[in-house]
Amino acid sequence: MSRLRRMPRRRSYDQYCSAARALDAVGDRWTLLIVRELLAGPRRYTDLHADLPGVSTDVLASRLKDMERDELATRRKLPPPAAAVVYELTERGRGLLPVLTALARWGAPALEERRPTDAVRAHWFAVPLMPVLAACGAGAGAEGVVEVRLDEGVFHVRLGGGPSGPSDPSDPSDSSGPAGSGGVAYGDGPADAPDACLVLDADTCRAVGAGTLALADGVRDGRIEVAGDSALAKALRGA
């Protein structure tokens, strides 16, 4: 029996219900936000802590152990020269992408006004934006990598097959693995060779992800700039 399987179980709802069983695994505070971070690819503990403002080191360590035990995440040591330990999602953990997508869509109306105390990271906009970009690409039969540039930072989304980021196994920001599902994945930071690039502000990105602004309307109104000559870039301009 593995070390993880010997770890004591957390308190359970003890209900023979699939929703209750799911909440046994992901219902604790911070767990789904850790999943959100790991959907972008392997992350070091320090990187996770930096992108989860407000979480204590003890709580983060505890949640990661719980996620390992519940087979949502795993640890591995990167090869030299990095030689660092990173956390990454298992296939079961990556299966939570549709859950986060639905939660993001449901919670979008609460983002209409940013509170003074709100932290923000560019890649937090990726999950709600991914299905919009996927629909645009699928409608034109176009695949590739879209780099999204906000004032707050840069992230990229892969639509269809192929890597979305660097292929260096010693790079913890490598997002070439299947971070998402259904041929869609995202990564933090710029892409090596994007097929299209979107430039927009955070409020516009929020509106597109929430479905209150069509991508085509944002392009037409000058709120979104689309760069690139690929079939994917043309599809995004004419979405």
Protein backbone atom coordinates (compact mmCIF):
# COMPACT_ATOMS: atom_id res chain seq x y z
CA MET A 1 0.00 0.00 0.00
CA SER A 2 1.40 3.41 -0.97
CA ARG A 3 2.20 6.17 1.50
CA LEU A 4 -0.71 8.24 0.17
CA ARG A 5 -3.20 5.43 0.64
CA ARG A 6 -2.07 5.08 4.28
CA MET A 7 -2.88 8.73 4.97
CA PRO A 8 -6.01 9.18 7.12
CA ARG A 9 -9.19 10.15 5.33
CA ARG A 10 -10.69 13.56 5.87
CA ARG A 11 -14.15 14.03 7.26
CA SER A 12 -16.80 12.96 4.80
CA TYR A 13 -20.42 13.88 4.21
CA ASP A 14 -21.09 10.12 4.39
CA GLN A 15 -23.80 10.39 1.78
CA TYR A 16 -24.29 7.91 -1.06
CA CYS A 17 -24.50 10.77 -3.55
CA SER A 18 -22.10 11.61 -6.38
CA ALA A 19 -22.18 15.36 -5.60
CA ALA A 20 -21.38 14.66 -1.93
CA ARG A 21 -18.52 12.32 -2.91
CA ALA A 22 -17.14 15.00 -5.23
CA LEU A 23 -17.33 17.61 -2.48
CA ASP A 24 -15.51 15.22 -0.14
CA ALA A 25 -12.54 15.64 -2.52
CA VAL A 26 -12.80 19.25 -3.71
CA GLY A 27 -15.16 21.01 -1.31
CA ASP A 28 -12.51 22.45 1.00
CA ARG A 29 -11.55 26.08 0.58
CA TRP A 30 -8.68 26.65 -1.88
CA THR A 31 -8.79 23.19 -3.47
CA LEU A 32 -10.49 24.21 -6.71
CA LEU A 33 -8.32 27.32 -6.95
CA ILE A 34 -5.24 25.11 -6.70
CA VAL A 35 -6.73 23.03 -9.52
CA ARG A 36 -7.16 26.25 -11.52
CA GLU A 37 -3.46 27.00 -11.12
CA LEU A 38 -2.34 23.47 -12.00
CA LEU A 39 -4.50 23.40 -15.13
CA ALA A 40 -1.84 25.73 -16.57
CA GLY A 41 0.81 23.04 -16.12
CA PRO A 42 3.28 21.85 -13.45
CA ARG A 43 3.99 24.37 -10.71
CA ARG A 44 6.48 24.66 -7.89
CA TYR A 45 5.12 25.12 -4.39
CA THR A 46 6.53 28.65 -4.25
CA ASP A 47 4.87 29.54 -7.57
CA LEU A 48 1.53 28.22 -6.35
CA HIS A 49 1.82 30.24 -3.16
CA ALA A 50 2.66 33.40 -5.12
CA ASP A 51 -0.40 33.02 -7.37
CA LEU A 52 -2.81 32.18 -4.55
CA PRO A 53 -2.70 35.39 -2.51
CA GLY A 54 -4.32 34.92 0.87
CA VAL A 55 -3.55 31.24 1.39
CA SER A 56 -1.24 30.37 4.27
CA THR A 57 1.71 28.06 3.72
CA ASP A 58 0.23 25.51 6.14
CA VAL A 59 -3.14 25.43 4.39
CA LEU A 60 -1.55 25.17 0.95
CA ALA A 61 0.66 22.28 2.04
CA SER A 62 -2.34 20.53 3.62
CA ARG A 63 -4.50 20.94 0.51
CA LEU A 64 -1.75 19.61 -1.74
CA LYS A 65 -1.36 16.54 0.46
CA ASP A 66 -5.13 16.01 0.33
CA MET A 67 -5.06 16.31 -3.45
CA GLU A 68 -2.28 13.74 -3.69
CA ARG A 69 -4.20 11.36 -1.46
CA ASP A 70 -7.38 11.79 -3.51
CA GLU A 71 -5.38 11.25 -6.72
CA LEU A 72 -6.13 14.72 -8.05
CA ALA A 73 -2.49 15.77 -8.15
CA THR A 74 0.95 14.27 -7.98
CA ARG A 75 4.51 15.41 -7.31
CA ARG A 76 7.57 14.82 -9.43
CA LYS A 77 11.17 16.01 -9.39
CA LEU A 78 12.34 17.87 -12.45
CA PRO A 79 15.56 16.67 -14.11
CA PRO A 80 18.73 18.77 -13.87
CA PRO A 81 19.48 21.60 -14.09
CA ALA A 82 16.18 22.52 -12.42
CA ALA A 83 16.11 19.66 -9.85
CA ALA A 84 13.00 21.16 -8.29
CA VAL A 85 9.82 19.43 -7.13
CA VAL A 86 6.65 20.37 -8.96
CA TYR A 87 2.99 19.53 -8.54
CA GLU A 88 0.80 18.60 -11.48
CA LEU A 89 -2.72 17.33 -12.03
CA THR A 90 -3.54 13.72 -12.67
CA GLU A 91 -6.03 12.76 -15.35
CA ARG A 92 -8.69 12.79 -12.65
CA GLY A 93 -7.66 16.28 -11.61
CA ARG A 94 -7.69 17.56 -15.19
CA GLY A 95 -11.24 16.27 -15.44
CA LEU A 96 -12.25 19.17 -13.19
CA LEU A 97 -11.82 21.69 -16.01
CA PRO A 98 -15.53 21.56 -17.00
CA VAL A 99 -16.43 22.08 -13.33
CA LEU A 100 -14.27 25.20 -13.11
CA THR A 101 -15.58 26.43 -16.45
CA ALA A 102 -19.16 26.13 -15.22
CA LEU A 103 -18.29 27.82 -11.91
CA ALA A 104 -16.54 30.66 -13.74
CA ARG A 105 -19.56 31.23 -15.96
CA TRP A 106 -21.89 31.12 -12.95
CA GLY A 107 -19.72 33.53 -10.96
CA ALA A 108 -19.08 35.98 -13.81
CA PRO A 109 -21.83 38.47 -12.82
CA ALA A 110 -20.05 38.99 -9.50
CA LEU A 111 -17.04 40.42 -11.37
CA GLU A 112 -18.85 43.41 -12.85
CA GLU A 113 -17.32 45.61 -10.16
CA ARG A 114 -13.76 44.98 -8.97
CA ARG A 115 -13.29 45.45 -5.24
CA PRO A 116 -10.30 47.48 -4.01
CA THR A 117 -8.98 44.42 -2.16
CA ASP A 118 -9.19 42.08 -5.18
CA ALA A 119 -5.95 40.52 -6.38
CA VAL A 120 -5.77 39.69 -10.09
CA ARG A 121 -3.59 37.56 -12.34
CA ALA A 122 -3.92 37.49 -16.11
CA HIS A 123 -4.20 33.70 -16.35
CA TRP A 124 -7.25 33.72 -14.07
CA PHE A 125 -9.20 34.86 -17.13
CA ALA A 126 -8.16 31.79 -19.13
CA VAL A 127 -10.73 29.28 -17.91
CA PRO A 128 -13.86 31.30 -18.88
CA LEU A 129 -12.23 32.45 -22.13
CA MET A 130 -11.21 28.99 -23.34
CA PRO A 131 -14.66 27.77 -24.51
CA VAL A 132 -15.22 31.04 -26.39
CA LEU A 133 -11.96 30.69 -28.30
CA ALA A 134 -12.60 26.98 -28.85
CA ALA A 135 -16.00 27.71 -30.39
CA CYS A 136 -14.51 30.33 -32.70
CA GLY A 137 -11.76 27.99 -33.85
CA ALA A 138 -14.06 25.02 -34.27
CA GLY A 139 -16.51 27.05 -36.34
CA ALA A 140 -13.79 27.74 -38.89
CA GLY A 141 -12.02 24.40 -38.53
CA ALA A 142 -8.94 26.24 -37.24
CA GLU A 143 -6.53 25.00 -34.58
CA GLY A 144 -3.45 26.48 -32.99
CA VAL A 145 -2.21 28.60 -30.11
CA VAL A 146 -3.73 31.93 -29.11
CA GLU A 147 -1.64 34.29 -27.00
CA VAL A 148 -3.73 36.63 -24.86
CA ARG A 149 -2.16 39.87 -23.67
CA LEU A 150 -3.65 41.93 -20.85
CA ASP A 151 -2.17 44.80 -18.88
CA GLU A 152 -1.96 42.34 -15.97
CA GLY A 153 0.10 39.78 -17.89
CA VAL A 154 0.07 37.19 -20.66
CA PHE A 155 -1.30 33.67 -21.03
CA HIS A 156 -1.92 31.36 -23.98
CA VAL A 157 -4.58 28.89 -25.01
CA ARG A 158 -4.07 25.83 -27.19
CA LEU A 159 -6.95 24.83 -29.43
CA GLY A 160 -6.75 21.34 -30.90
CA GLY A 161 -3.67 19.12 -31.00
CA GLY A 162 -0.05 20.02 -30.55
CA PRO A 163 1.90 21.65 -27.77
CA SER A 164 0.92 24.97 -26.30
CA GLY A 165 4.24 25.85 -24.76
CA PRO A 166 7.89 24.87 -24.38
CA SER A 167 8.83 21.20 -24.42
CA ASP A 168 11.70 21.41 -21.94
CA PRO A 169 10.98 18.78 -19.23
CA SER A 170 13.07 20.73 -16.72
CA ASP A 171 10.87 23.82 -17.13
CA PRO A 172 8.03 23.89 -14.56
CA SER A 173 6.12 26.33 -16.76
CA ASP A 174 6.02 23.75 -19.57
CA SER A 175 2.37 23.40 -20.58
CA SER A 176 2.84 21.04 -23.50
CA GLY A 177 0.98 18.31 -21.67
CA PRO A 178 -2.78 17.88 -21.69
CA ALA A 179 -3.63 20.54 -19.13
CA GLY A 180 -7.20 20.75 -20.32
CA SER A 181 -9.65 18.41 -21.96
CA GLY A 182 -11.27 18.03 -25.34
CA GLY A 183 -8.19 19.37 -27.13
CA VAL A 184 -8.19 22.69 -25.25
CA ALA A 185 -5.54 23.71 -22.72
CA TYR A 186 -3.90 26.85 -21.41
CA GLY A 187 -0.59 27.99 -20.02
CA ASP A 188 0.68 30.97 -18.08
CA GLY A 189 3.03 33.34 -19.89
CA PRO A 190 3.69 33.87 -23.58
CA ALA A 191 3.66 31.10 -26.18
CA ASP A 192 6.75 30.21 -28.19
CA ALA A 193 5.13 30.69 -31.59
CA PRO A 194 1.47 31.73 -31.32
CA ASP A 195 -0.81 31.42 -34.32
CA ALA A 196 -2.83 34.42 -33.17
CA CYS A 197 -2.53 37.10 -30.54
CA LEU A 198 -5.34 38.91 -28.74
CA VAL A 199 -4.68 42.26 -27.05
CA LEU A 200 -7.42 43.53 -24.77
CA ASP A 201 -8.03 44.83 -21.27
CA ALA A 202 -9.20 42.81 -18.31
CA ASP A 203 -12.75 44.16 -18.35
CA THR A 204 -13.16 43.25 -22.01
CA CYS A 205 -11.72 39.79 -21.38
CA ARG A 206 -14.14 39.32 -18.50
CA ALA A 207 -17.09 40.34 -20.68
CA VAL A 208 -16.10 37.99 -23.50
CA GLY A 209 -15.66 35.09 -21.09
CA ALA A 210 -19.00 35.85 -19.43
CA GLY A 211 -20.79 35.90 -22.77
CA THR A 212 -21.95 39.51 -22.44
CA LEU A 213 -19.67 40.68 -25.28
CA ALA A 214 -19.25 38.76 -28.51
CA LEU A 215 -15.67 38.46 -29.68
CA ALA A 216 -16.61 39.85 -33.10
CA ASP A 217 -18.27 42.88 -31.49
CA GLY A 218 -15.17 43.55 -29.41
CA VAL A 219 -12.97 43.40 -32.51
CA ARG A 220 -15.33 45.63 -34.51
CA ASP A 221 -15.56 48.19 -31.70
CA GLY A 222 -11.78 48.35 -31.32
CA ARG A 223 -11.76 46.84 -27.84
CA ILE A 224 -9.90 43.74 -29.04
CA GLU A 225 -6.90 43.64 -31.35
CA VAL A 226 -6.21 40.38 -33.19
CA ALA A 227 -2.70 39.94 -34.63
CA GLY A 228 -1.57 37.19 -36.99
CA ASP A 229 -2.15 35.91 -40.51
CA SER A 230 -3.08 32.30 -39.71
CA ALA A 231 -6.45 30.70 -40.33
CA LEU A 232 -7.04 30.86 -36.58
CA ALA A 233 -6.35 34.61 -36.44
CA LYS A 234 -8.72 35.18 -39.35
CA ALA A 235 -11.36 33.08 -37.63
CA LEU A 236 -11.04 35.15 -34.44
CA ARG A 237 -11.37 38.40 -36.38
CA GLY A 238 -14.52 37.21 -38.08
CA ALA A 239 -16.04 35.26 -35.19
